[in-house]
């Protein structure tokens, strides 16, 4: 037979756990943060990342930076800021990650692909702009041109470097990077 003390101890433990889970869910960001290459899903990445900044320090192009908005879960975690530059996919971020938040094995599971937001893209507002097309290292494969004016994105060919986002002249950007699971 259990006593009152055990009952209240168990109840307090359950309430504490529920409060911690609630606080975690509430503090998650709704921003589309593009994590460095080799990251797994967002929950796994944030649980493993030690916020040491070694990936940011060793990024050759400067595309990686630390998240600075006040959010206790993701403050100082790395993300790819394509306003700064694009990713050369040298993977020094993975090589310098001591925590295992970035792993080469994850490159086989997940990849980043560019996605155009037609409602923001000036080419779809009858202004001539093919900046994304000309910046793409996989030209005529990852991005093609329809009717001589409209960029079409082909995610199966995208390398996920973000050159198109970096080159996009619109503000906010007409292109976003999304993480997809490899099939």
Protein backbone atom coordinates (compact mmCIF):
# COMPACT_ATOMS: atom_id res chain seq x y z
CA UNK A 1 0.00 0.00 0.00
CA UNK A 2 1.34 3.38 -0.94
CA UNK A 3 1.33 6.30 1.39
CA UNK A 4 0.24 9.87 0.86
CA UNK A 5 3.85 11.01 0.64
CA UNK A 6 4.53 8.69 -2.32
CA UNK A 7 1.33 9.81 -4.01
CA UNK A 8 2.21 13.52 -3.75
CA UNK A 9 5.82 12.87 -4.77
CA UNK A 10 4.64 11.10 -7.93
CA UNK A 11 2.07 13.82 -8.61
CA UNK A 12 4.71 16.56 -8.27
CA UNK A 13 7.03 14.67 -10.64
CA UNK A 14 4.27 14.40 -13.26
CA UNK A 15 3.35 18.08 -12.97
CA UNK A 16 7.02 19.12 -13.22
CA UNK A 17 7.53 16.98 -16.32
CA UNK A 18 4.37 18.36 -17.97
CA UNK A 19 5.44 21.95 -17.20
CA UNK A 20 8.91 21.34 -18.71
CA UNK A 21 7.42 19.82 -21.86
CA UNK A 22 4.97 22.73 -22.17
CA UNK A 23 7.76 25.31 -21.74
CA UNK A 24 9.82 23.57 -24.43
CA UNK A 25 6.94 23.52 -26.92
CA UNK A 26 6.01 27.16 -26.25
CA UNK A 27 9.58 28.39 -26.73
CA UNK A 28 10.08 26.66 -30.10
CA UNK A 29 10.63 29.09 -32.93
CA UNK A 30 8.23 29.40 -35.84
CA UNK A 31 10.99 30.81 -38.04
CA UNK A 32 12.30 28.75 -40.91
CA UNK A 33 15.83 28.29 -39.54
CA UNK A 34 18.08 26.40 -41.93
CA UNK A 35 20.48 24.41 -39.83
CA UNK A 36 24.01 23.55 -40.96
CA UNK A 37 24.62 20.55 -43.21
CA UNK A 38 24.59 17.28 -41.31
CA UNK A 39 21.87 18.28 -38.87
CA UNK A 40 19.02 15.90 -38.15
CA UNK A 41 15.47 17.04 -37.34
CA UNK A 42 15.12 20.25 -35.29
CA UNK A 43 14.37 18.56 -31.95
CA UNK A 44 17.36 16.23 -32.22
CA UNK A 45 19.63 19.06 -33.33
CA UNK A 46 18.66 21.42 -30.50
CA UNK A 47 18.98 18.60 -27.94
CA UNK A 48 22.52 17.75 -29.09
CA UNK A 49 23.93 21.18 -29.96
CA UNK A 50 26.20 22.51 -27.21
CA UNK A 51 26.14 26.07 -28.66
CA UNK A 52 29.94 26.09 -28.70
CA UNK A 53 30.15 28.00 -31.98
CA UNK A 54 32.94 25.90 -33.50
CA UNK A 55 30.92 25.32 -36.66
CA UNK A 56 30.37 29.08 -37.03
CA UNK A 57 34.04 29.90 -36.36
CA UNK A 58 35.23 27.39 -38.97
CA UNK A 59 32.67 28.16 -41.70
CA UNK A 60 34.71 29.11 -44.78
CA UNK A 61 32.04 31.26 -46.41
CA UNK A 62 30.53 32.90 -43.34
CA UNK A 63 27.02 31.63 -44.08
CA UNK A 64 26.73 30.22 -40.55
CA UNK A 65 25.90 32.48 -37.66
CA UNK A 66 24.51 32.12 -34.15
CA UNK A 67 20.82 32.74 -33.51
CA UNK A 68 20.59 35.87 -31.37
CA UNK A 69 16.89 36.38 -30.66
CA UNK A 70 15.91 35.77 -27.06
CA UNK A 71 14.72 32.21 -27.06
CA UNK A 72 16.24 29.98 -24.36
CA UNK A 73 16.05 26.79 -26.39
CA UNK A 74 17.75 28.00 -29.58
CA UNK A 75 19.75 31.05 -28.46
CA UNK A 76 23.30 30.76 -29.86
CA UNK A 77 22.54 27.71 -32.01
CA UNK A 78 23.93 27.90 -35.56
CA UNK A 79 21.83 28.54 -38.63
CA UNK A 80 22.54 29.38 -42.26
CA UNK A 81 22.01 33.06 -43.05
CA UNK A 82 21.91 33.31 -46.82
CA UNK A 83 21.98 37.11 -46.60
CA UNK A 84 25.64 36.64 -45.57
CA UNK A 85 26.66 34.18 -48.25
CA UNK A 86 25.98 30.65 -49.49
CA UNK A 87 27.23 27.19 -48.50
CA UNK A 88 30.22 25.70 -50.35
CA UNK A 89 29.38 22.32 -48.80
CA UNK A 90 32.93 21.85 -47.55
CA UNK A 91 31.52 20.30 -44.35
CA UNK A 92 34.06 21.90 -42.00
CA UNK A 93 31.06 22.55 -39.77
CA UNK A 94 30.53 18.79 -39.40
CA UNK A 95 34.25 18.14 -38.88
CA UNK A 96 34.41 20.72 -36.07
CA UNK A 97 31.22 19.73 -34.23
CA UNK A 98 32.19 18.08 -30.92
CA UNK A 99 28.65 17.25 -29.80
CA UNK A 100 27.39 15.08 -32.66
CA UNK A 101 24.65 17.57 -33.55
CA UNK A 102 26.16 17.61 -37.06
CA UNK A 103 27.00 14.22 -38.59
CA UNK A 104 27.97 13.08 -42.07
CA UNK A 105 25.45 10.22 -41.75
CA UNK A 106 22.65 12.79 -41.61
CA UNK A 107 23.61 14.02 -45.09
CA UNK A 108 22.22 10.74 -46.40
CA UNK A 109 18.96 11.15 -44.45
CA UNK A 110 18.21 14.84 -44.99
CA UNK A 111 18.99 17.53 -47.53
CA UNK A 112 18.10 21.13 -48.12
CA UNK A 113 16.39 22.28 -51.29
CA UNK A 114 15.45 25.72 -52.55
CA UNK A 115 11.79 26.56 -53.02
CA UNK A 116 10.50 29.61 -54.87
CA UNK A 117 7.71 31.72 -53.41
CA UNK A 118 5.94 32.85 -56.58
CA UNK A 119 3.81 35.41 -54.74
CA UNK A 120 6.99 37.28 -53.73
CA UNK A 121 9.08 36.73 -56.88
CA UNK A 122 9.29 39.80 -59.16
CA UNK A 123 9.54 37.57 -62.26
CA UNK A 124 5.95 36.52 -61.61
CA UNK A 125 4.96 40.19 -61.30
CA UNK A 126 6.00 40.86 -64.89
CA UNK A 127 9.42 42.30 -64.03
CA UNK A 128 12.40 40.70 -65.69
CA UNK A 129 14.63 38.95 -63.17
CA UNK A 130 16.53 35.70 -63.60
CA UNK A 131 19.09 36.29 -60.87
CA UNK A 132 18.40 32.95 -59.20
CA UNK A 133 18.82 31.12 -62.48
CA UNK A 134 22.18 32.72 -63.30
CA UNK A 135 23.54 32.18 -59.78
CA UNK A 136 22.77 28.45 -59.68
CA UNK A 137 25.80 26.14 -59.99
CA UNK A 138 23.48 23.45 -61.36
CA UNK A 139 22.10 25.74 -64.08
CA UNK A 140 19.44 24.32 -66.40
CA UNK A 141 18.90 21.43 -63.98
CA UNK A 142 17.98 22.74 -60.54
CA UNK A 143 16.48 25.94 -61.98
CA UNK A 144 15.12 26.20 -65.50
CA UNK A 145 13.29 29.00 -67.31
CA UNK A 146 9.72 28.69 -68.54
CA UNK A 147 8.47 31.01 -71.29
CA UNK A 148 11.78 32.94 -71.22
CA UNK A 149 10.78 34.73 -68.03
CA UNK A 150 9.71 32.47 -65.19
CA UNK A 151 12.10 30.44 -63.02
CA UNK A 152 11.07 26.88 -62.25
CA UNK A 153 12.73 25.03 -59.39
CA UNK A 154 13.44 21.30 -59.50
CA UNK A 155 14.13 20.06 -55.96
CA UNK A 156 15.46 16.68 -57.11
CA UNK A 157 18.38 18.51 -58.79
CA UNK A 158 18.99 21.14 -56.08
CA UNK A 159 22.30 20.91 -54.21
CA UNK A 160 21.05 23.07 -51.30
CA UNK A 161 23.87 25.61 -51.46
CA UNK A 162 21.63 28.69 -51.20
CA UNK A 163 23.35 30.69 -53.96
CA UNK A 164 19.94 31.51 -55.42
CA UNK A 165 18.73 32.87 -52.07
CA UNK A 166 21.89 34.90 -51.58
CA UNK A 167 21.51 36.39 -55.07
CA UNK A 168 17.76 37.07 -54.86
CA UNK A 169 17.17 40.85 -54.90
CA UNK A 170 13.75 40.87 -53.23
CA UNK A 171 13.14 41.72 -49.59
CA UNK A 172 11.86 39.53 -48.07
CA UNK A 173 13.53 36.87 -50.22
CA UNK A 174 11.46 35.11 -52.85
CA UNK A 175 13.23 31.83 -52.20
CA UNK A 176 13.41 29.77 -49.03
CA UNK A 177 15.38 26.67 -48.14
CA UNK A 178 13.43 23.66 -46.88
CA UNK A 179 14.74 20.46 -45.35
CA UNK A 180 13.47 17.26 -46.91
CA UNK A 181 14.02 13.62 -46.05
CA UNK A 182 15.88 11.66 -48.70
CA UNK A 183 13.88 8.82 -50.14
